[in-house]
N, C-alpha and C. Protein backbone atom coordinates (compact mmCIF):
# COMPACT_ATOMS: atom_id res chain seq x y z
N MET A 1 -31.69 -21.22 42.75
CA MET A 1 -30.29 -21.14 43.09
C MET A 1 -29.94 -19.70 43.44
N SER A 2 -30.30 -19.35 44.61
CA SER A 2 -30.06 -18.01 45.10
C SER A 2 -28.58 -17.68 45.12
N GLY A 3 -28.25 -16.46 44.71
CA GLY A 3 -26.86 -16.01 44.73
C GLY A 3 -26.06 -16.38 43.49
N MET A 4 -26.62 -17.19 42.61
CA MET A 4 -25.90 -17.56 41.39
C MET A 4 -25.99 -16.42 40.37
N ARG A 5 -24.87 -16.05 39.83
CA ARG A 5 -24.83 -14.96 38.87
C ARG A 5 -25.03 -15.51 37.46
N VAL A 6 -26.01 -14.98 36.77
CA VAL A 6 -26.32 -15.42 35.41
C VAL A 6 -26.07 -14.23 34.48
N PRO A 7 -25.21 -14.40 33.48
CA PRO A 7 -24.96 -13.27 32.58
C PRO A 7 -26.21 -12.91 31.79
N GLU A 8 -26.36 -11.62 31.50
CA GLU A 8 -27.47 -11.15 30.67
C GLU A 8 -26.94 -10.92 29.26
N TYR A 9 -27.64 -11.47 28.29
CA TYR A 9 -27.29 -11.28 26.89
C TYR A 9 -28.33 -10.40 26.22
N ARG A 10 -27.88 -9.60 25.30
CA ARG A 10 -28.78 -8.82 24.45
C ARG A 10 -28.31 -8.99 23.01
N THR A 11 -29.27 -9.06 22.11
CA THR A 11 -28.97 -9.19 20.68
C THR A 11 -29.79 -8.16 19.93
N ALA A 12 -29.16 -7.52 18.94
CA ALA A 12 -29.86 -6.49 18.17
C ALA A 12 -29.48 -6.60 16.70
N ILE A 13 -30.40 -6.19 15.86
CA ILE A 13 -30.20 -6.13 14.42
C ILE A 13 -29.86 -4.70 14.03
N GLY A 14 -28.90 -4.53 13.14
CA GLY A 14 -28.60 -3.22 12.57
C GLY A 14 -28.75 -3.29 11.06
N GLN A 15 -29.18 -2.21 10.45
CA GLN A 15 -29.35 -2.15 9.00
C GLN A 15 -29.02 -0.76 8.54
N ASP A 16 -28.46 -0.66 7.33
CA ASP A 16 -28.30 0.63 6.68
C ASP A 16 -28.10 0.37 5.19
N SER A 17 -28.37 1.40 4.41
CA SER A 17 -28.16 1.31 2.96
C SER A 17 -27.88 2.70 2.43
N HIS A 18 -27.05 2.75 1.38
CA HIS A 18 -26.71 4.00 0.70
C HIS A 18 -26.59 3.74 -0.80
N ARG A 19 -26.97 4.75 -1.57
CA ARG A 19 -26.76 4.72 -3.02
C ARG A 19 -25.34 5.14 -3.34
N PHE A 20 -24.83 4.67 -4.47
CA PHE A 20 -23.55 5.14 -4.96
C PHE A 20 -23.67 6.58 -5.44
N VAL A 21 -22.58 7.32 -5.36
CA VAL A 21 -22.54 8.66 -5.95
C VAL A 21 -22.67 8.52 -7.46
N SER A 22 -22.93 9.63 -8.15
CA SER A 22 -23.05 9.57 -9.60
C SER A 22 -21.70 9.20 -10.22
N GLU A 23 -21.76 8.66 -11.40
CA GLU A 23 -20.54 8.24 -12.09
C GLU A 23 -19.58 9.41 -12.32
N GLN A 24 -20.11 10.63 -12.35
CA GLN A 24 -19.27 11.82 -12.55
C GLN A 24 -18.52 12.21 -11.29
N ASP A 25 -19.01 11.80 -10.13
CA ASP A 25 -18.39 12.17 -8.86
C ASP A 25 -17.35 11.11 -8.50
N THR A 26 -16.15 11.28 -9.04
CA THR A 26 -15.10 10.28 -8.84
C THR A 26 -14.23 10.59 -7.63
N GLY A 27 -14.47 11.72 -6.95
CA GLY A 27 -13.61 12.12 -5.85
C GLY A 27 -14.00 11.56 -4.50
N ARG A 28 -15.12 10.89 -4.39
CA ARG A 28 -15.57 10.37 -3.09
C ARG A 28 -15.13 8.92 -2.93
N PRO A 29 -14.33 8.63 -1.90
CA PRO A 29 -13.85 7.25 -1.72
C PRO A 29 -14.93 6.35 -1.14
N LEU A 30 -14.79 5.06 -1.36
CA LEU A 30 -15.70 4.07 -0.76
C LEU A 30 -15.04 3.53 0.51
N MET A 31 -15.72 3.76 1.63
CA MET A 31 -15.28 3.24 2.93
C MET A 31 -16.28 2.18 3.37
N LEU A 32 -15.77 1.00 3.71
CA LEU A 32 -16.61 -0.07 4.24
C LEU A 32 -15.93 -0.66 5.46
N ALA A 33 -16.60 -0.64 6.59
CA ALA A 33 -16.05 -1.14 7.86
C ALA A 33 -14.78 -0.40 8.24
N GLY A 34 -14.68 0.86 7.83
CA GLY A 34 -13.49 1.65 8.15
C GLY A 34 -12.31 1.37 7.26
N VAL A 35 -12.54 0.65 6.15
CA VAL A 35 -11.47 0.28 5.22
C VAL A 35 -11.73 0.96 3.88
N LEU A 36 -10.70 1.58 3.32
CA LEU A 36 -10.80 2.19 2.00
C LEU A 36 -10.83 1.08 0.95
N ILE A 37 -11.86 1.08 0.13
CA ILE A 37 -12.00 0.09 -0.95
C ILE A 37 -11.62 0.81 -2.24
N PRO A 38 -10.47 0.48 -2.82
CA PRO A 38 -10.00 1.22 -4.00
C PRO A 38 -10.80 0.87 -5.26
N ASP A 39 -10.72 1.77 -6.23
CA ASP A 39 -11.31 1.55 -7.55
C ASP A 39 -12.80 1.26 -7.49
N ALA A 40 -13.51 1.96 -6.60
CA ALA A 40 -14.95 1.79 -6.49
C ALA A 40 -15.57 3.16 -6.18
N PRO A 41 -16.78 3.40 -6.67
CA PRO A 41 -17.42 4.68 -6.36
C PRO A 41 -17.81 4.76 -4.89
N GLY A 42 -17.81 5.97 -4.35
CA GLY A 42 -18.24 6.19 -2.97
C GLY A 42 -19.75 6.15 -2.85
N LEU A 43 -20.21 6.28 -1.63
CA LEU A 43 -21.64 6.26 -1.34
C LEU A 43 -22.12 7.64 -0.92
N LEU A 44 -23.37 7.96 -1.26
CA LEU A 44 -23.96 9.24 -0.90
C LEU A 44 -24.22 9.32 0.60
N GLY A 45 -23.92 10.46 1.18
CA GLY A 45 -24.21 10.68 2.59
C GLY A 45 -23.51 11.91 3.10
N ASN A 46 -23.97 12.43 4.24
CA ASN A 46 -23.32 13.58 4.86
C ASN A 46 -21.93 13.23 5.36
N SER A 47 -21.79 12.02 5.91
CA SER A 47 -20.53 11.57 6.47
C SER A 47 -19.76 10.83 5.37
N ASP A 48 -18.86 9.93 5.79
CA ASP A 48 -18.16 9.09 4.80
C ASP A 48 -19.08 8.01 4.24
N ALA A 49 -20.31 7.93 4.75
CA ALA A 49 -21.35 7.00 4.28
C ALA A 49 -20.91 5.54 4.37
N ASP A 50 -20.14 5.21 5.41
CA ASP A 50 -19.69 3.84 5.63
C ASP A 50 -20.89 3.01 6.09
N VAL A 51 -21.51 2.36 5.14
CA VAL A 51 -22.76 1.64 5.38
C VAL A 51 -22.58 0.49 6.37
N VAL A 52 -21.40 -0.12 6.42
CA VAL A 52 -21.16 -1.20 7.37
C VAL A 52 -21.10 -0.63 8.79
N LEU A 53 -20.32 0.43 8.99
CA LEU A 53 -20.23 1.01 10.33
C LEU A 53 -21.57 1.60 10.77
N HIS A 54 -22.35 2.11 9.82
CA HIS A 54 -23.67 2.63 10.18
C HIS A 54 -24.59 1.50 10.66
N ALA A 55 -24.56 0.36 9.98
CA ALA A 55 -25.38 -0.78 10.41
C ALA A 55 -24.96 -1.26 11.79
N VAL A 56 -23.65 -1.33 12.03
CA VAL A 56 -23.16 -1.77 13.34
C VAL A 56 -23.54 -0.75 14.42
N THR A 57 -23.44 0.54 14.10
CA THR A 57 -23.86 1.58 15.04
C THR A 57 -25.33 1.42 15.38
N ASN A 58 -26.15 1.14 14.38
CA ASN A 58 -27.58 0.92 14.64
C ASN A 58 -27.81 -0.31 15.51
N ALA A 59 -27.00 -1.35 15.33
CA ALA A 59 -27.13 -2.54 16.18
C ALA A 59 -26.77 -2.20 17.63
N VAL A 60 -25.71 -1.42 17.82
CA VAL A 60 -25.35 -1.00 19.18
C VAL A 60 -26.50 -0.19 19.78
N SER A 61 -27.11 0.67 18.98
CA SER A 61 -28.27 1.43 19.46
C SER A 61 -29.40 0.51 19.84
N GLY A 62 -29.55 -0.61 19.16
CA GLY A 62 -30.56 -1.60 19.52
C GLY A 62 -30.27 -2.24 20.87
N ILE A 63 -29.00 -2.38 21.21
CA ILE A 63 -28.61 -2.93 22.51
C ILE A 63 -28.87 -1.91 23.62
N THR A 64 -28.51 -0.65 23.37
CA THR A 64 -28.55 0.37 24.41
C THR A 64 -29.86 1.15 24.48
N GLY A 65 -30.58 1.21 23.38
CA GLY A 65 -31.78 2.04 23.31
C GLY A 65 -31.47 3.51 23.07
N VAL A 66 -30.21 3.84 22.79
CA VAL A 66 -29.79 5.22 22.53
C VAL A 66 -29.46 5.35 21.05
N ASN A 67 -30.29 6.08 20.30
CA ASN A 67 -30.07 6.24 18.87
C ASN A 67 -28.96 7.26 18.62
N ILE A 68 -28.00 6.88 17.79
CA ILE A 68 -26.87 7.74 17.46
C ILE A 68 -27.02 8.29 16.04
N LEU A 69 -27.34 7.41 15.09
CA LEU A 69 -27.50 7.88 13.70
C LEU A 69 -28.78 8.69 13.61
N GLY A 70 -28.65 9.86 13.04
CA GLY A 70 -29.76 10.81 13.00
C GLY A 70 -29.31 12.08 13.67
N GLU A 71 -29.98 12.45 14.73
CA GLU A 71 -29.71 13.73 15.39
C GLU A 71 -28.27 13.83 15.93
N VAL A 72 -27.79 12.81 16.63
CA VAL A 72 -26.45 12.86 17.23
C VAL A 72 -25.38 12.88 16.15
N SER A 73 -25.46 11.96 15.19
CA SER A 73 -24.43 11.91 14.14
C SER A 73 -24.50 13.16 13.25
N ASP A 74 -25.70 13.66 12.99
CA ASP A 74 -25.82 14.89 12.19
C ASP A 74 -25.13 16.06 12.90
N ARG A 75 -25.32 16.14 14.21
CA ARG A 75 -24.66 17.20 14.97
C ARG A 75 -23.13 17.02 14.91
N MET A 76 -22.68 15.79 15.08
CA MET A 76 -21.23 15.52 15.02
C MET A 76 -20.67 15.88 13.65
N CYS A 77 -21.42 15.53 12.59
CA CYS A 77 -20.94 15.73 11.22
C CYS A 77 -21.11 17.17 10.76
N LEU A 78 -22.34 17.65 10.82
CA LEU A 78 -22.64 18.96 10.24
C LEU A 78 -22.16 20.12 11.09
N GLU A 79 -22.19 19.98 12.40
CA GLU A 79 -21.73 21.06 13.28
C GLU A 79 -20.28 20.87 13.71
N GLY A 80 -19.88 19.62 13.95
CA GLY A 80 -18.53 19.34 14.44
C GLY A 80 -17.53 18.96 13.38
N GLY A 81 -18.03 18.74 12.14
CA GLY A 81 -17.13 18.39 11.05
C GLY A 81 -16.57 16.98 11.12
N ILE A 82 -17.18 16.11 11.92
CA ILE A 82 -16.70 14.72 12.06
C ILE A 82 -17.44 13.85 11.05
N SER A 83 -16.74 13.41 10.01
CA SER A 83 -17.38 12.60 8.97
C SER A 83 -16.96 11.13 9.02
N ASP A 84 -16.03 10.78 9.89
CA ASP A 84 -15.57 9.40 10.03
C ASP A 84 -16.61 8.61 10.82
N SER A 85 -17.22 7.63 10.18
CA SER A 85 -18.28 6.85 10.83
C SER A 85 -17.79 6.06 12.03
N ALA A 86 -16.49 5.83 12.13
CA ALA A 86 -15.95 5.15 13.32
C ALA A 86 -16.22 5.99 14.57
N ALA A 87 -16.28 7.30 14.43
CA ALA A 87 -16.58 8.18 15.57
C ALA A 87 -18.02 7.99 16.03
N TYR A 88 -18.94 7.72 15.10
CA TYR A 88 -20.35 7.49 15.46
C TYR A 88 -20.47 6.16 16.21
N LEU A 89 -19.73 5.15 15.73
CA LEU A 89 -19.74 3.86 16.42
C LEU A 89 -19.16 4.02 17.82
N ALA A 90 -18.06 4.76 17.95
CA ALA A 90 -17.46 4.99 19.27
C ALA A 90 -18.45 5.68 20.20
N GLU A 91 -19.20 6.64 19.68
CA GLU A 91 -20.21 7.33 20.49
C GLU A 91 -21.29 6.34 20.94
N ALA A 92 -21.72 5.46 20.04
CA ALA A 92 -22.73 4.46 20.40
C ALA A 92 -22.19 3.52 21.49
N LEU A 93 -20.95 3.11 21.36
CA LEU A 93 -20.35 2.19 22.32
C LEU A 93 -20.20 2.81 23.71
N ARG A 94 -20.12 4.14 23.78
CA ARG A 94 -20.03 4.83 25.08
C ARG A 94 -21.27 4.58 25.94
N HIS A 95 -22.37 4.20 25.30
CA HIS A 95 -23.64 4.01 26.01
C HIS A 95 -23.90 2.55 26.37
N MET A 96 -22.91 1.68 26.21
CA MET A 96 -23.11 0.25 26.44
C MET A 96 -23.25 -0.11 27.91
N GLY A 97 -22.90 0.81 28.81
CA GLY A 97 -23.03 0.51 30.24
C GLY A 97 -22.21 -0.71 30.59
N GLY A 98 -22.81 -1.66 31.25
CA GLY A 98 -22.11 -2.88 31.64
C GLY A 98 -22.07 -3.95 30.57
N PHE A 99 -22.51 -3.63 29.36
CA PHE A 99 -22.50 -4.63 28.28
C PHE A 99 -21.27 -4.48 27.41
N ARG A 100 -20.84 -5.61 26.84
CA ARG A 100 -19.73 -5.59 25.88
C ARG A 100 -20.07 -6.53 24.73
N PRO A 101 -19.68 -6.14 23.51
CA PRO A 101 -19.94 -7.02 22.36
C PRO A 101 -19.18 -8.34 22.50
N VAL A 102 -19.84 -9.43 22.11
CA VAL A 102 -19.18 -10.74 22.10
C VAL A 102 -19.22 -11.41 20.73
N HIS A 103 -20.10 -10.96 19.85
CA HIS A 103 -20.16 -11.54 18.50
C HIS A 103 -20.87 -10.57 17.55
N LEU A 104 -20.38 -10.53 16.32
CA LEU A 104 -21.00 -9.71 15.28
C LEU A 104 -21.08 -10.52 14.00
N SER A 105 -22.24 -10.51 13.37
CA SER A 105 -22.42 -11.12 12.06
C SER A 105 -22.91 -10.04 11.11
N VAL A 106 -22.20 -9.88 9.98
CA VAL A 106 -22.51 -8.83 9.00
C VAL A 106 -22.77 -9.47 7.64
N SER A 107 -23.84 -9.02 6.99
CA SER A 107 -24.15 -9.46 5.63
C SER A 107 -24.26 -8.23 4.74
N VAL A 108 -23.45 -8.19 3.70
CA VAL A 108 -23.42 -7.06 2.76
C VAL A 108 -24.05 -7.51 1.45
N GLU A 109 -25.01 -6.72 0.96
CA GLU A 109 -25.59 -6.99 -0.37
C GLU A 109 -25.16 -5.89 -1.32
N ALA A 110 -24.43 -6.31 -2.36
CA ALA A 110 -23.93 -5.37 -3.37
C ALA A 110 -23.50 -6.13 -4.61
N ALA A 111 -23.81 -5.57 -5.77
CA ALA A 111 -23.33 -6.16 -7.01
C ALA A 111 -21.87 -5.76 -7.26
N ARG A 112 -21.51 -4.61 -6.72
CA ARG A 112 -20.15 -4.10 -6.87
C ARG A 112 -19.77 -3.30 -5.65
N PRO A 113 -18.54 -3.19 -5.32
CA PRO A 113 -17.37 -3.88 -5.88
C PRO A 113 -17.28 -5.30 -5.34
N ARG A 114 -16.36 -6.07 -5.87
CA ARG A 114 -16.12 -7.42 -5.36
C ARG A 114 -15.45 -7.27 -4.00
N LEU A 115 -16.05 -7.83 -2.96
CA LEU A 115 -15.57 -7.61 -1.60
C LEU A 115 -14.68 -8.72 -1.04
N ALA A 116 -14.67 -9.88 -1.67
CA ALA A 116 -13.90 -11.00 -1.14
C ALA A 116 -12.44 -10.63 -0.80
N PRO A 117 -11.74 -9.86 -1.63
CA PRO A 117 -10.35 -9.53 -1.29
C PRO A 117 -10.21 -8.61 -0.07
N HIS A 118 -11.29 -8.01 0.38
CA HIS A 118 -11.24 -7.03 1.47
C HIS A 118 -11.82 -7.53 2.79
N ILE A 119 -12.41 -8.71 2.79
CA ILE A 119 -13.14 -9.18 3.97
C ILE A 119 -12.24 -9.31 5.20
N ASP A 120 -11.06 -9.89 5.06
CA ASP A 120 -10.19 -10.05 6.23
C ASP A 120 -9.79 -8.70 6.83
N LYS A 121 -9.51 -7.74 5.98
CA LYS A 121 -9.14 -6.40 6.46
C LYS A 121 -10.34 -5.73 7.14
N MET A 122 -11.52 -5.91 6.57
CA MET A 122 -12.73 -5.33 7.16
C MET A 122 -13.01 -5.96 8.53
N LYS A 123 -12.87 -7.29 8.62
CA LYS A 123 -13.07 -7.97 9.90
C LYS A 123 -12.07 -7.48 10.93
N ALA A 124 -10.83 -7.31 10.53
CA ALA A 124 -9.80 -6.84 11.46
C ALA A 124 -10.12 -5.44 11.98
N ARG A 125 -10.59 -4.57 11.10
CA ARG A 125 -10.93 -3.21 11.51
C ARG A 125 -12.13 -3.22 12.47
N LEU A 126 -13.16 -4.00 12.13
CA LEU A 126 -14.32 -4.12 13.02
C LEU A 126 -13.90 -4.69 14.37
N ALA A 127 -13.02 -5.69 14.37
CA ALA A 127 -12.54 -6.28 15.61
C ALA A 127 -11.87 -5.22 16.48
N GLY A 128 -11.06 -4.38 15.87
CA GLY A 128 -10.40 -3.33 16.62
C GLY A 128 -11.38 -2.32 17.20
N LEU A 129 -12.37 -1.95 16.42
CA LEU A 129 -13.36 -0.96 16.88
C LEU A 129 -14.24 -1.50 18.01
N LEU A 130 -14.51 -2.81 17.98
CA LEU A 130 -15.41 -3.42 18.95
C LEU A 130 -14.68 -4.15 20.08
N SER A 131 -13.36 -4.14 20.05
CA SER A 131 -12.54 -4.87 21.03
C SER A 131 -12.91 -6.36 21.04
N LEU A 132 -12.98 -6.93 19.85
CA LEU A 132 -13.29 -8.35 19.67
C LEU A 132 -12.15 -9.03 18.93
N ASP A 133 -12.03 -10.34 19.10
CA ASP A 133 -11.14 -11.11 18.26
C ASP A 133 -11.78 -11.22 16.88
N PRO A 134 -11.00 -11.17 15.81
CA PRO A 134 -11.59 -11.29 14.46
C PRO A 134 -12.40 -12.57 14.26
N ASP A 135 -12.07 -13.65 15.01
CA ASP A 135 -12.84 -14.88 14.84
C ASP A 135 -14.22 -14.81 15.49
N ARG A 136 -14.52 -13.69 16.15
CA ARG A 136 -15.85 -13.44 16.71
C ARG A 136 -16.71 -12.59 15.77
N ILE A 137 -16.21 -12.42 14.54
CA ILE A 137 -16.92 -11.62 13.54
C ILE A 137 -17.11 -12.45 12.29
N GLY A 138 -18.35 -12.54 11.84
CA GLY A 138 -18.66 -13.15 10.55
C GLY A 138 -19.01 -12.04 9.58
N LEU A 139 -18.45 -12.09 8.38
CA LEU A 139 -18.73 -11.06 7.38
C LEU A 139 -18.88 -11.75 6.03
N THR A 140 -20.08 -11.65 5.48
CA THR A 140 -20.36 -12.27 4.18
C THR A 140 -20.84 -11.21 3.20
N ALA A 141 -20.70 -11.51 1.92
CA ALA A 141 -21.15 -10.60 0.87
C ALA A 141 -21.94 -11.41 -0.16
N THR A 142 -23.00 -10.79 -0.67
CA THR A 142 -23.84 -11.44 -1.66
C THR A 142 -24.31 -10.41 -2.68
N THR A 143 -24.61 -10.87 -3.87
CA THR A 143 -25.21 -9.99 -4.87
C THR A 143 -26.73 -10.04 -4.79
N GLY A 144 -27.26 -10.99 -4.03
CA GLY A 144 -28.71 -11.13 -3.95
C GLY A 144 -29.34 -11.51 -5.27
N GLU A 145 -28.51 -12.07 -6.15
CA GLU A 145 -28.99 -12.51 -7.47
C GLU A 145 -29.63 -11.40 -8.28
N GLY A 146 -29.26 -10.15 -7.97
CA GLY A 146 -29.76 -9.02 -8.74
C GLY A 146 -31.23 -8.71 -8.54
N LEU A 147 -31.82 -9.17 -7.44
CA LEU A 147 -33.25 -8.99 -7.22
C LEU A 147 -33.61 -7.63 -6.63
N THR A 148 -32.63 -6.89 -6.10
CA THR A 148 -32.88 -5.58 -5.51
C THR A 148 -32.00 -4.55 -6.20
N ASP A 149 -32.22 -3.28 -5.89
CA ASP A 149 -31.37 -2.22 -6.43
C ASP A 149 -29.92 -2.43 -6.01
N PHE A 150 -29.68 -3.00 -4.84
CA PHE A 150 -28.31 -3.25 -4.38
C PHE A 150 -27.68 -4.35 -5.22
N GLY A 151 -28.43 -5.37 -5.51
CA GLY A 151 -27.95 -6.46 -6.36
C GLY A 151 -27.81 -6.05 -7.81
N ARG A 152 -28.43 -4.92 -8.18
CA ARG A 152 -28.30 -4.40 -9.54
C ARG A 152 -27.20 -3.33 -9.64
N GLY A 153 -26.49 -3.09 -8.54
CA GLY A 153 -25.34 -2.20 -8.59
C GLY A 153 -25.61 -0.74 -8.31
N LEU A 154 -26.77 -0.40 -7.73
CA LEU A 154 -27.10 1.01 -7.47
C LEU A 154 -26.63 1.50 -6.11
N GLY A 155 -26.24 0.58 -5.24
CA GLY A 155 -25.79 0.95 -3.91
C GLY A 155 -25.42 -0.28 -3.12
N ILE A 156 -25.32 -0.09 -1.80
CA ILE A 156 -24.94 -1.18 -0.90
C ILE A 156 -25.90 -1.19 0.29
N GLN A 157 -26.33 -2.40 0.66
CA GLN A 157 -27.18 -2.59 1.83
C GLN A 157 -26.47 -3.55 2.79
N VAL A 158 -26.58 -3.26 4.08
CA VAL A 158 -25.94 -4.10 5.10
C VAL A 158 -26.94 -4.41 6.21
N PHE A 159 -26.96 -5.67 6.61
CA PHE A 159 -27.66 -6.11 7.81
C PHE A 159 -26.62 -6.71 8.74
N CYS A 160 -26.79 -6.52 10.03
CA CYS A 160 -25.90 -7.18 10.98
C CYS A 160 -26.67 -7.55 12.23
N VAL A 161 -26.12 -8.52 12.94
CA VAL A 161 -26.64 -8.94 14.23
C VAL A 161 -25.49 -8.86 15.22
N LEU A 162 -25.71 -8.13 16.30
CA LEU A 162 -24.72 -7.94 17.35
C LEU A 162 -25.22 -8.59 18.63
N THR A 163 -24.36 -9.37 19.27
CA THR A 163 -24.68 -9.94 20.57
C THR A 163 -23.74 -9.35 21.60
N ALA A 164 -24.30 -8.95 22.73
CA ALA A 164 -23.52 -8.39 23.82
C ALA A 164 -23.88 -9.10 25.12
N VAL A 165 -22.95 -9.09 26.06
CA VAL A 165 -23.17 -9.71 27.36
C VAL A 165 -22.86 -8.69 28.43
N SER A 166 -23.55 -8.83 29.57
CA SER A 166 -23.30 -7.90 30.67
C SER A 166 -22.03 -8.31 31.40
N ASP A 167 -21.24 -7.32 31.77
CA ASP A 167 -20.05 -7.56 32.59
C ASP A 167 -20.44 -7.73 34.05
N SER A 168 -21.58 -7.18 34.42
CA SER A 168 -22.04 -7.22 35.82
C SER A 168 -23.42 -7.84 35.87
N PRO A 169 -23.50 -9.18 35.72
CA PRO A 169 -24.82 -9.80 35.70
C PRO A 169 -25.55 -9.60 37.02
N ASP A 170 -26.87 -9.50 36.89
CA ASP A 170 -27.72 -9.34 38.06
C ASP A 170 -27.74 -10.64 38.86
N GLU A 171 -28.09 -10.51 40.11
CA GLU A 171 -28.27 -11.70 40.94
C GLU A 171 -29.43 -12.50 40.37
N GLY A 172 -29.31 -13.83 40.34
CA GLY A 172 -30.36 -14.66 39.78
C GLY A 172 -31.34 -15.13 40.80
């Protein structure tokens, strides 16, 4: 079928994990998906250590082939003073070319804090950052039955799958 335009889809996995700060370090807030989670310890990292946004940024890098977390984010954070992980995601999205996100699925493994009361707010923030409707985002949380350090309360681990489609599909 010459001349028929077929959209190109790409799918990528993102992952990140961070340990909680020490119990004595009560001044670091916990940010997840760009949302402040009250009454919970923060995560260790140079930036705000938003493990959800870091996983999503890594998924975008999987779509584009341009790694942001590492050298680019370190330069933004350590030299530019930018610690908001939403800025790293925005930088990753700049490299999407003709692709745009169409679906995101996020799985958070943590024994603490309880995330159910925050999921809708987290989905809304992710939707805004990715220019998606919130119903195009799945976000689940599990304790993993305590089988890992994350399930035992030592930190938070996130996996996500991002699907993107080309705005300018190639000729088929």
